[in-house]
């Protein structure tokens, strides 16, 4: 699953590839906790096993994509 995180006062986004079998609802709950201030740091683990921390106060937006296998190619709708 692709995740893109916008960080305030930074021109670049953080792009991550998370495991395809990750529970989407649990991830949304984790992001929601960071955005509402329940936690100070959003911790995510990418496909390669690296842990990434983002300060919750600096998150501008979070975009959840689809799993790699679900991407469409071409102009078809």
C-alpha atoms as a PDB file:
ATOM      1  CA  UNK A   1       0.000   0.000   0.000  1.00  0.00           C
ATOM      2  CA  UNK A   2       1.337   3.417  -0.916  1.00  0.00           C
ATOM      3  CA  UNK A   3       1.211   6.178   1.687  1.00  0.00           C
ATOM      4  CA  UNK A   4       2.061   9.819   1.105  1.00  0.00           C
ATOM      5  CA  UNK A   5       2.476  12.183   4.063  1.00  0.00           C
ATOM      6  CA  UNK A   6       2.691  15.942   3.685  1.00  0.00           C
ATOM      7  CA  UNK A   7       4.798  17.711   6.289  1.00  0.00           C
ATOM      8  CA  UNK A   8       4.271  21.358   7.205  1.00  0.00           C
ATOM      9  CA  UNK A   9       7.039  23.768   6.233  1.00  0.00           C
ATOM     10  CA  UNK A  10       8.542  21.217   3.847  1.00  0.00           C
ATOM     11  CA  UNK A  11       8.223  21.322   0.057  1.00  0.00           C
ATOM     12  CA  UNK A  12       8.511  17.526  -0.272  1.00  0.00           C
ATOM     13  CA  UNK A  13       6.189  14.741   0.787  1.00  0.00           C
ATOM     14  CA  UNK A  14       7.182  11.521   2.516  1.00  0.00           C
ATOM     15  CA  UNK A  15       6.319   8.562   0.282  1.00  0.00           C
ATOM     16  CA  UNK A  16       6.263   5.056   1.742  1.00  0.00           C
ATOM     17  CA  UNK A  17       5.412   1.591   0.512  1.00  0.00           C
ATOM     18  CA  UNK A  18       3.787  -0.410   3.285  1.00  0.00           C
ATOM     19  CA  UNK A  19       3.033  -4.123   3.271  1.00  0.00           C
ATOM     20  CA  UNK A  20       0.132  -5.020   0.972  1.00  0.00           C
ATOM     21  CA  UNK A  21      -1.479  -7.214   3.639  1.00  0.00           C
ATOM     22  CA  UNK A  22      -1.568  -4.380   6.195  1.00  0.00           C
ATOM     23  CA  UNK A  23      -4.948  -3.829   7.867  1.00  0.00           C
ATOM     24  CA  UNK A  24      -6.214  -0.592   6.286  1.00  0.00           C
ATOM     25  CA  UNK A  25      -8.668   0.120   9.139  1.00  0.00           C
ATOM     26  CA  UNK A  26      -5.911  -0.236  11.753  1.00  0.00           C
ATOM     27  CA  UNK A  27      -3.668   2.095   9.750  1.00  0.00           C
ATOM     28  CA  UNK A  28      -6.455   4.675   9.515  1.00  0.00           C
ATOM     29  CA  UNK A  29      -6.972   4.445  13.284  1.00  0.00           C
ATOM     30  CA  UNK A  30      -3.243   4.979  13.833  1.00  0.00           C
ATOM     31  CA  UNK A  31      -3.261   8.048  11.538  1.00  0.00           C
ATOM     32  CA  UNK A  32      -6.422   9.373  13.180  1.00  0.00           C
ATOM     33  CA  UNK A  33      -4.781   9.106  16.602  1.00  0.00           C
ATOM     34  CA  UNK A  34      -1.834  11.161  15.343  1.00  0.00           C
ATOM     35  CA  UNK A  35      -4.021  13.821  13.719  1.00  0.00           C
ATOM     36  CA  UNK A  36      -6.258  14.244  16.771  1.00  0.00           C
ATOM     37  CA  UNK A  37      -3.308  14.567  19.148  1.00  0.00           C
ATOM     38  CA  UNK A  38      -3.755  11.260  20.973  1.00  0.00           C
ATOM     39  CA  UNK A  39      -0.134  10.384  20.127  1.00  0.00           C
ATOM     40  CA  UNK A  40       2.833  12.677  19.483  1.00  0.00           C
ATOM     41  CA  UNK A  41       4.559  10.509  16.864  1.00  0.00           C
ATOM     42  CA  UNK A  42       3.158   8.480  13.969  1.00  0.00           C
ATOM     43  CA  UNK A  43       5.255   5.321  13.587  1.00  0.00           C
ATOM     44  CA  UNK A  44       5.024   3.327  10.351  1.00  0.00           C
ATOM     45  CA  UNK A  45       7.006   0.315   9.126  1.00  0.00           C
ATOM     46  CA  UNK A  46       7.697   0.089   5.395  1.00  0.00           C
ATOM     47  CA  UNK A  47       8.008  -3.011   3.200  1.00  0.00           C
ATOM     48  CA  UNK A  48      11.732  -3.285   3.896  1.00  0.00           C
ATOM     49  CA  UNK A  49      11.175  -3.319   7.666  1.00  0.00           C
ATOM     50  CA  UNK A  50      12.400   0.218   8.298  1.00  0.00           C
ATOM     51  CA  UNK A  51      10.591   2.173  11.025  1.00  0.00           C
ATOM     52  CA  UNK A  52       9.670   5.736  10.086  1.00  0.00           C
ATOM     53  CA  UNK A  53       8.586   8.333  12.632  1.00  0.00           C
ATOM     54  CA  UNK A  54       6.715  11.520  11.773  1.00  0.00           C
ATOM     55  CA  UNK A  55       5.943  14.164  14.381  1.00  0.00           C
ATOM     56  CA  UNK A  56       2.150  14.294  14.577  1.00  0.00           C
ATOM     57  CA  UNK A  57       2.138  18.081  14.977  1.00  0.00           C
ATOM     58  CA  UNK A  58       3.928  18.462  11.619  1.00  0.00           C
ATOM     59  CA  UNK A  59       1.559  16.311   9.517  1.00  0.00           C
ATOM     60  CA  UNK A  60      -0.272  18.392   6.909  1.00  0.00           C
ATOM     61  CA  UNK A  61      -2.060  15.516   5.133  1.00  0.00           C
ATOM     62  CA  UNK A  62      -1.984  11.751   4.674  1.00  0.00           C
ATOM     63  CA  UNK A  63      -2.932  10.030   1.426  1.00  0.00           C
ATOM     64  CA  UNK A  64      -3.546   6.290   1.373  1.00  0.00           C
ATOM     65  CA  UNK A  65      -3.152   4.586  -1.985  1.00  0.00           C
ATOM     66  CA  UNK A  66      -3.967   1.102  -3.121  1.00  0.00           C
ATOM     67  CA  UNK A  67      -1.887  -2.034  -3.032  1.00  0.00           C
ATOM     68  CA  UNK A  68       0.623  -2.457  -5.871  1.00  0.00           C
ATOM     69  CA  UNK A  69      -1.395  -5.191  -7.555  1.00  0.00           C
ATOM     70  CA  UNK A  70      -4.513  -3.044  -7.705  1.00  0.00           C
ATOM     71  CA  UNK A  71      -3.032  -0.212  -9.761  1.00  0.00           C
ATOM     72  CA  UNK A  72      -4.565   0.422 -13.142  1.00  0.00           C
ATOM     73  CA  UNK A  73      -2.465   1.159 -16.183  1.00  0.00           C
ATOM     74  CA  UNK A  74      -3.555   3.159 -19.199  1.00  0.00           C
ATOM     75  CA  UNK A  75      -6.495   5.421 -19.837  1.00  0.00           C
ATOM     76  CA  UNK A  76      -9.315   3.016 -18.993  1.00  0.00           C
ATOM     77  CA  UNK A  77     -11.773   3.971 -16.256  1.00  0.00           C
END
